[in-house]
C-alpha atoms as a PDB file:
ATOM      1  CA  UNK A   1       2.997  -6.368 -20.110  1.00  0.00           C
ATOM      2  CA  UNK A   2       3.253  -8.036 -16.690  1.00  0.00           C
ATOM      3  CA  UNK A   3       3.287  -5.163 -14.103  1.00  0.00           C
ATOM      4  CA  UNK A   4       4.788  -7.506 -11.493  1.00  0.00           C
ATOM      5  CA  UNK A   5       7.207  -9.643 -13.464  1.00  0.00           C
ATOM      6  CA  UNK A   6      10.782  -8.285 -13.607  1.00  0.00           C
ATOM      7  CA  UNK A   7      12.117  -7.564 -16.855  1.00  0.00           C
ATOM      8  CA  UNK A   8      15.559  -6.913 -18.279  1.00  0.00           C
ATOM      9  CA  UNK A   9      16.223  -3.123 -18.465  1.00  0.00           C
ATOM     10  CA  UNK A  10      18.994  -3.007 -21.234  1.00  0.00           C
ATOM     11  CA  UNK A  11      20.077   0.842 -20.420  1.00  0.00           C
ATOM     12  CA  UNK A  12      18.305   1.784 -17.129  1.00  0.00           C
ATOM     13  CA  UNK A  13      20.307  -0.399 -15.074  1.00  0.00           C
ATOM     14  CA  UNK A  14      19.952  -2.687 -12.065  1.00  0.00           C
ATOM     15  CA  UNK A  15      17.890  -0.294  -9.769  1.00  0.00           C
ATOM     16  CA  UNK A  16      14.394   1.296  -9.595  1.00  0.00           C
ATOM     17  CA  UNK A  17      14.330   5.054 -10.829  1.00  0.00           C
ATOM     18  CA  UNK A  18      13.927   8.051  -8.544  1.00  0.00           C
ATOM     19  CA  UNK A  19      10.388   8.343  -9.220  1.00  0.00           C
ATOM     20  CA  UNK A  20       9.622   4.485  -8.246  1.00  0.00           C
ATOM     21  CA  UNK A  21      11.741   5.011  -5.245  1.00  0.00           C
ATOM     22  CA  UNK A  22       9.924   8.066  -4.139  1.00  0.00           C
ATOM     23  CA  UNK A  23       6.340   6.203  -4.582  1.00  0.00           C
ATOM     24  CA  UNK A  24       7.713   3.246  -2.658  1.00  0.00           C
ATOM     25  CA  UNK A  25       9.008   4.908   0.640  1.00  0.00           C
ATOM     26  CA  UNK A  26       6.113   7.580   0.512  1.00  0.00           C
ATOM     27  CA  UNK A  27       3.423   4.552   0.337  1.00  0.00           C
ATOM     28  CA  UNK A  28       5.609   2.832   3.028  1.00  0.00           C
ATOM     29  CA  UNK A  29       5.370   5.655   5.506  1.00  0.00           C
ATOM     30  CA  UNK A  30       1.800   6.603   4.709  1.00  0.00           C
ATOM     31  CA  UNK A  31       0.611   2.957   5.237  1.00  0.00           C
ATOM     32  CA  UNK A  32       2.628   2.796   8.325  1.00  0.00           C
ATOM     33  CA  UNK A  33       1.146   6.032   9.650  1.00  0.00           C
ATOM     34  CA  UNK A  34      -2.196   5.189   8.619  1.00  0.00           C
ATOM     35  CA  UNK A  35      -2.074   1.558  10.288  1.00  0.00           C
ATOM     36  CA  UNK A  36      -1.114   3.289  13.557  1.00  0.00           C
ATOM     37  CA  UNK A  37      -3.627   6.004  13.078  1.00  0.00           C
ATOM     38  CA  UNK A  38      -6.064   3.584  12.333  1.00  0.00           C
ATOM     39  CA  UNK A  39      -5.427   1.472  15.804  1.00  0.00           C
ATOM     40  CA  UNK A  40      -5.323   4.913  17.541  1.00  0.00           C
ATOM     41  CA  UNK A  41      -8.708   5.601  16.427  1.00  0.00           C
ATOM     42  CA  UNK A  42     -10.263   2.449  17.469  1.00  0.00           C
ATOM     43  CA  UNK A  43      -9.172   3.088  21.064  1.00  0.00           C
ATOM     44  CA  UNK A  44     -10.912   6.617  21.342  1.00  0.00           C
ATOM     45  CA  UNK A  45     -13.665   5.931  18.721  1.00  0.00           C
ATOM     46  CA  UNK A  46     -16.675   6.957  20.861  1.00  0.00           C
ATOM     47  CA  UNK A  47     -14.921  10.050  22.402  1.00  0.00           C
ATOM     48  CA  UNK A  48     -15.501  13.653  21.357  1.00  0.00           C
ATOM     49  CA  UNK A  49     -12.028  14.022  20.471  1.00  0.00           C
ATOM     50  CA  UNK A  50     -11.908  11.256  17.615  1.00  0.00           C
ATOM     51  CA  UNK A  51     -13.674  13.144  14.830  1.00  0.00           C
ATOM     52  CA  UNK A  52     -10.309  14.851  13.631  1.00  0.00           C
ATOM     53  CA  UNK A  53      -8.571  11.428  13.380  1.00  0.00           C
ATOM     54  CA  UNK A  54     -11.432   9.914  11.714  1.00  0.00           C
ATOM     55  CA  UNK A  55     -11.231  12.908   9.112  1.00  0.00           C
ATOM     56  CA  UNK A  56      -7.551  12.666   8.743  1.00  0.00           C
ATOM     57  CA  UNK A  57      -7.785   8.960   8.351  1.00  0.00           C
ATOM     58  CA  UNK A  58     -10.205   9.264   5.494  1.00  0.00           C
ATOM     59  CA  UNK A  59      -8.398  11.838   3.891  1.00  0.00           C
ATOM     60  CA  UNK A  60      -5.334  10.108   3.611  1.00  0.00           C
ATOM     61  CA  UNK A  61      -7.062   6.879   2.682  1.00  0.00           C
ATOM     62  CA  UNK A  62      -8.154   8.848  -0.462  1.00  0.00           C
ATOM     63  CA  UNK A  63      -4.520  10.006  -1.040  1.00  0.00           C
ATOM     64  CA  UNK A  64      -3.516   6.276  -0.524  1.00  0.00           C
ATOM     65  CA  UNK A  65      -5.668   5.210  -3.039  1.00  0.00           C
ATOM     66  CA  UNK A  66      -4.492   8.047  -5.482  1.00  0.00           C
ATOM     67  CA  UNK A  67      -1.062   7.178  -4.852  1.00  0.00           C
ATOM     68  CA  UNK A  68      -1.288   3.437  -5.684  1.00  0.00           C
ATOM     69  CA  UNK A  69      -3.009   4.416  -9.061  1.00  0.00           C
ATOM     70  CA  UNK A  70       0.054   6.819  -9.704  1.00  0.00           C
ATOM     71  CA  UNK A  71       2.376   3.856  -8.626  1.00  0.00           C
ATOM     72  CA  UNK A  72       0.441   1.405 -11.029  1.00  0.00           C
ATOM     73  CA  UNK A  73       0.816   3.752 -14.102  1.00  0.00           C
ATOM     74  CA  UNK A  74       4.286   4.534 -13.443  1.00  0.00           C
ATOM     75  CA  UNK A  75       5.149   0.844 -13.135  1.00  0.00           C
ATOM     76  CA  UNK A  76       3.168   0.100 -16.396  1.00  0.00           C
ATOM     77  CA  UNK A  77       5.297   2.663 -18.210  1.00  0.00           C
ATOM     78  CA  UNK A  78       8.779   1.790 -16.538  1.00  0.00           C
ATOM     79  CA  UNK A  79      10.088  -1.761 -16.321  1.00  0.00           C
ATOM     80  CA  UNK A  80      10.901  -3.271 -13.127  1.00  0.00           C
ATOM     81  CA  UNK A  81      14.680  -4.097 -13.030  1.00  0.00           C
ATOM     82  CA  UNK A  82      15.908  -7.742 -13.462  1.00  0.00           C
ATOM     83  CA  UNK A  83      16.392  -9.767 -10.430  1.00  0.00           C
ATOM     84  CA  UNK A  84      19.675 -11.853 -10.410  1.00  0.00           C
ATOM     85  CA  UNK A  85      19.621 -14.904 -12.696  1.00  0.00           C
ATOM     86  CA  UNK A  86      20.919 -17.214 -10.087  1.00  0.00           C
ATOM     87  CA  UNK A  87      17.721 -16.691  -7.868  1.00  0.00           C
ATOM     88  CA  UNK A  88      15.678 -19.812  -7.742  1.00  0.00           C
ATOM     89  CA  UNK A  89      12.344 -20.098  -9.750  1.00  0.00           C
ATOM     90  CA  UNK A  90      10.325 -20.351  -6.421  1.00  0.00           C
ATOM     91  CA  UNK A  91      12.059 -17.366  -5.109  1.00  0.00           C
ATOM     92  CA  UNK A  92      10.937 -15.382  -8.014  1.00  0.00           C
ATOM     93  CA  UNK A  93       7.483 -16.831  -8.067  1.00  0.00           C
ATOM     94  CA  UNK A  94       7.238 -15.787  -4.173  1.00  0.00           C
ATOM     95  CA  UNK A  95       8.571 -12.189  -4.648  1.00  0.00           C
ATOM     96  CA  UNK A  96       5.805 -11.934  -7.519  1.00  0.00           C
ATOM     97  CA  UNK A  97       2.932 -13.236  -5.290  1.00  0.00           C
ATOM     98  CA  UNK A  98       3.862 -11.005  -2.453  1.00  0.00           C
ATOM     99  CA  UNK A  99       4.150  -7.857  -4.799  1.00  0.00           C
ATOM    100  CA  UNK A 100       0.654  -8.632  -6.349  1.00  0.00           C
ATOM    101  CA  UNK A 101      -0.593  -9.199  -2.854  1.00  0.00           C
ATOM    102  CA  UNK A 102       0.962  -6.051  -1.793  1.00  0.00           C
ATOM    103  CA  UNK A 103      -0.767  -3.860  -4.610  1.00  0.00           C
ATOM    104  CA  UNK A 104      -3.900  -5.788  -4.368  1.00  0.00           C
ATOM    105  CA  UNK A 105      -4.025  -4.781  -0.452  1.00  0.00           C
ATOM    106  CA  UNK A 106      -3.116  -1.119  -1.122  1.00  0.00           C
ATOM    107  CA  UNK A 107      -5.974  -0.798  -3.741  1.00  0.00           C
ATOM    108  CA  UNK A 108      -8.718  -2.770  -2.052  1.00  0.00           C
ATOM    109  CA  UNK A 109      -8.056  -1.628   1.397  1.00  0.00           C
ATOM    110  CA  UNK A 110      -8.862   2.167   0.617  1.00  0.00           C
ATOM    111  CA  UNK A 111     -11.918   1.112  -1.468  1.00  0.00           C
ATOM    112  CA  UNK A 112     -13.214  -1.043   1.306  1.00  0.00           C
ATOM    113  CA  UNK A 113     -12.468   2.118   3.504  1.00  0.00           C
ATOM    114  CA  UNK A 114     -14.329   4.413   1.286  1.00  0.00           C
ATOM    115  CA  UNK A 115     -17.304   2.077   0.904  1.00  0.00           C
ATOM    116  CA  UNK A 116     -17.666   1.957   4.778  1.00  0.00           C
ATOM    117  CA  UNK A 117     -17.326   5.669   5.070  1.00  0.00           C
ATOM    118  CA  UNK A 118     -19.988   6.315   2.071  1.00  0.00           C
ATOM    119  CA  UNK A 119     -22.368   4.248   4.177  1.00  0.00           C
ATOM    120  CA  UNK A 120     -21.458   5.665   7.418  1.00  0.00           C
ATOM    121  CA  UNK A 121     -23.640   8.432   8.753  1.00  0.00           C
ATOM    122  CA  UNK A 122     -20.729  11.067   8.831  1.00  0.00           C
ATOM    123  CA  UNK A 123     -20.126  10.032   5.097  1.00  0.00           C
ATOM    124  CA  UNK A 124     -17.031  10.642   3.373  1.00  0.00           C
ATOM    125  CA  UNK A 125     -14.657  13.644   3.978  1.00  0.00           C
ATOM    126  CA  UNK A 126     -11.386  15.081   2.170  1.00  0.00           C
ATOM    127  CA  UNK A 127      -9.687  17.135   4.616  1.00  0.00           C
ATOM    128  CA  UNK A 128     -12.655  18.474   6.177  1.00  0.00           C
ATOM    129  CA  UNK A 129     -14.447  19.068   3.072  1.00  0.00           C
ATOM    130  CA  UNK A 130     -17.754  16.558   2.853  1.00  0.00           C
ATOM    131  CA  UNK A 131     -17.932  14.924  -0.496  1.00  0.00           C
ATOM    132  CA  UNK A 132     -21.087  14.047  -2.481  1.00  0.00           C
ATOM    133  CA  UNK A 133     -23.100  11.094  -0.732  1.00  0.00           C
ATOM    134  CA  UNK A 134     -22.309   7.730  -2.518  1.00  0.00           C
ATOM    135  CA  UNK A 135     -24.811   5.961  -0.720  1.00  0.00           C
ATOM    136  CA  UNK A 136     -27.708   6.358   1.993  1.00  0.00           C
ATOM    137  CA  UNK A 137     -26.167   5.882   5.199  1.00  0.00           C
ATOM    138  CA  UNK A 138     -26.811   2.125   6.648  1.00  0.00           C
ATOM    139  CA  UNK A 139     -24.749   1.314   9.685  1.00  0.00           C
ATOM    140  CA  UNK A 140     -24.827  -2.519   9.246  1.00  0.00           C
ATOM    141  CA  UNK A 141     -23.239  -2.185   5.497  1.00  0.00           C
ATOM    142  CA  UNK A 142     -20.869   0.513   6.783  1.00  0.00           C
ATOM    143  CA  UNK A 143     -19.707  -2.075   9.653  1.00  0.00           C
ATOM    144  CA  UNK A 144     -19.456  -4.939   7.056  1.00  0.00           C
ATOM    145  CA  UNK A 145     -17.241  -2.927   4.985  1.00  0.00           C
ATOM    146  CA  UNK A 146     -15.102  -1.462   7.792  1.00  0.00           C
ATOM    147  CA  UNK A 147     -14.741  -5.282   8.850  1.00  0.00           C
ATOM    148  CA  UNK A 148     -13.274  -6.148   5.478  1.00  0.00           C
ATOM    149  CA  UNK A 149     -11.171  -2.802   5.932  1.00  0.00           C
ATOM    150  CA  UNK A 150      -9.565  -4.217   9.238  1.00  0.00           C
ATOM    151  CA  UNK A 151      -9.006  -7.425   8.005  1.00  0.00           C
ATOM    152  CA  UNK A 152      -7.306  -6.481   4.832  1.00  0.00           C
ATOM    153  CA  UNK A 153      -4.870  -4.130   7.125  1.00  0.00           C
ATOM    154  CA  UNK A 154      -3.784  -7.508   8.914  1.00  0.00           C
ATOM    155  CA  UNK A 155      -3.417  -8.916   5.372  1.00  0.00           C
ATOM    156  CA  UNK A 156      -1.131  -6.157   4.274  1.00  0.00           C
ATOM    157  CA  UNK A 157       0.649  -6.226   7.610  1.00  0.00           C
ATOM    158  CA  UNK A 158       1.390 -10.128   7.069  1.00  0.00           C
ATOM    159  CA  UNK A 159       2.780  -9.495   3.622  1.00  0.00           C
ATOM    160  CA  UNK A 160       4.820  -6.303   4.471  1.00  0.00           C
ATOM    161  CA  UNK A 161       6.497  -8.715   6.922  1.00  0.00           C
ATOM    162  CA  UNK A 162       7.423 -11.168   4.399  1.00  0.00           C
ATOM    163  CA  UNK A 163       8.561  -8.153   2.058  1.00  0.00           C
ATOM    164  CA  UNK A 164      10.701  -7.046   4.633  1.00  0.00           C
ATOM    165  CA  UNK A 165      12.137 -10.425   5.511  1.00  0.00           C
ATOM    166  CA  UNK A 166      12.845 -11.233   1.969  1.00  0.00           C
ATOM    167  CA  UNK A 167      14.758  -7.670   1.399  1.00  0.00           C
ATOM    168  CA  UNK A 168      16.596  -8.548   4.734  1.00  0.00           C
ATOM    169  CA  UNK A 169      17.618 -11.820   3.359  1.00  0.00           C
ATOM    170  CA  UNK A 170      18.808 -10.364   0.020  1.00  0.00           C
ATOM    171  CA  UNK A 171      20.828  -7.974   2.238  1.00  0.00           C
ATOM    172  CA  UNK A 172      22.203  -9.803   5.044  1.00  0.00           C
ATOM    173  CA  UNK A 173      22.247 -13.461   3.721  1.00  0.00           C
ATOM    174  CA  UNK A 174      22.568 -13.436  -0.387  1.00  0.00           C
ATOM    175  CA  UNK A 175      24.256 -10.187  -0.562  1.00  0.00           C
ATOM    176  CA  UNK A 176      23.080  -9.855  -4.118  1.00  0.00           C
ATOM    177  CA  UNK A 177      22.353  -6.313  -4.530  1.00  0.00           C
ATOM    178  CA  UNK A 178      18.330  -6.968  -4.596  1.00  0.00           C
ATOM    179  CA  UNK A 179      18.119  -4.985  -1.514  1.00  0.00           C
ATOM    180  CA  UNK A 180      20.005  -1.988  -2.797  1.00  0.00           C
ATOM    181  CA  UNK A 181      17.654  -1.745  -5.747  1.00  0.00           C
ATOM    182  CA  UNK A 182      14.848   0.037  -3.457  1.00  0.00           C
ATOM    183  CA  UNK A 183      17.306   2.227  -1.251  1.00  0.00           C
ATOM    184  CA  UNK A 184      17.691   5.969  -2.121  1.00  0.00           C
ATOM    185  CA  UNK A 185      21.140   7.403  -2.835  1.00  0.00           C
ATOM    186  CA  UNK A 186      22.892   4.081  -3.593  1.00  0.00           C
ATOM    187  CA  UNK A 187      24.178   4.384  -7.290  1.00  0.00           C
END
């Protein structure tokens, strides 16, 4: 079963179920918050006030990773609603590529952050609780993982922009119901 290819759903209907909607919007809000928090952290990185923000960012990064795993499990067990049959093949392929890219970024981005934190002097924490050390602190290795983490943030932002632009195109130009598949309370 391809997790990213829309499939016909004979009895469920044309839209995503409530759990998929909740997972999508919680993920979206959390990622926007995490991006803003990350940028703010970089501004105050070398000040005494920075530590609680880093703890929060690391903790929420672990939550994001868990949420992505839940989303993948849910998506595997609940087929994606079918897209309109009149959509050109290139648009279907583009939508699939953006979805794969989004999921890859949402999965690898926290892993890179976790790896960077594991190699950092402060280590990995979850809401104030230090987690067992996964690696010996190494500044250069930590920075390499944080560089990957930062690059993936920009890739995620680009993919989200393409995703939102596509959704708005379906809403404002095509008016084909694709946008409404992921809007809460639109039965």
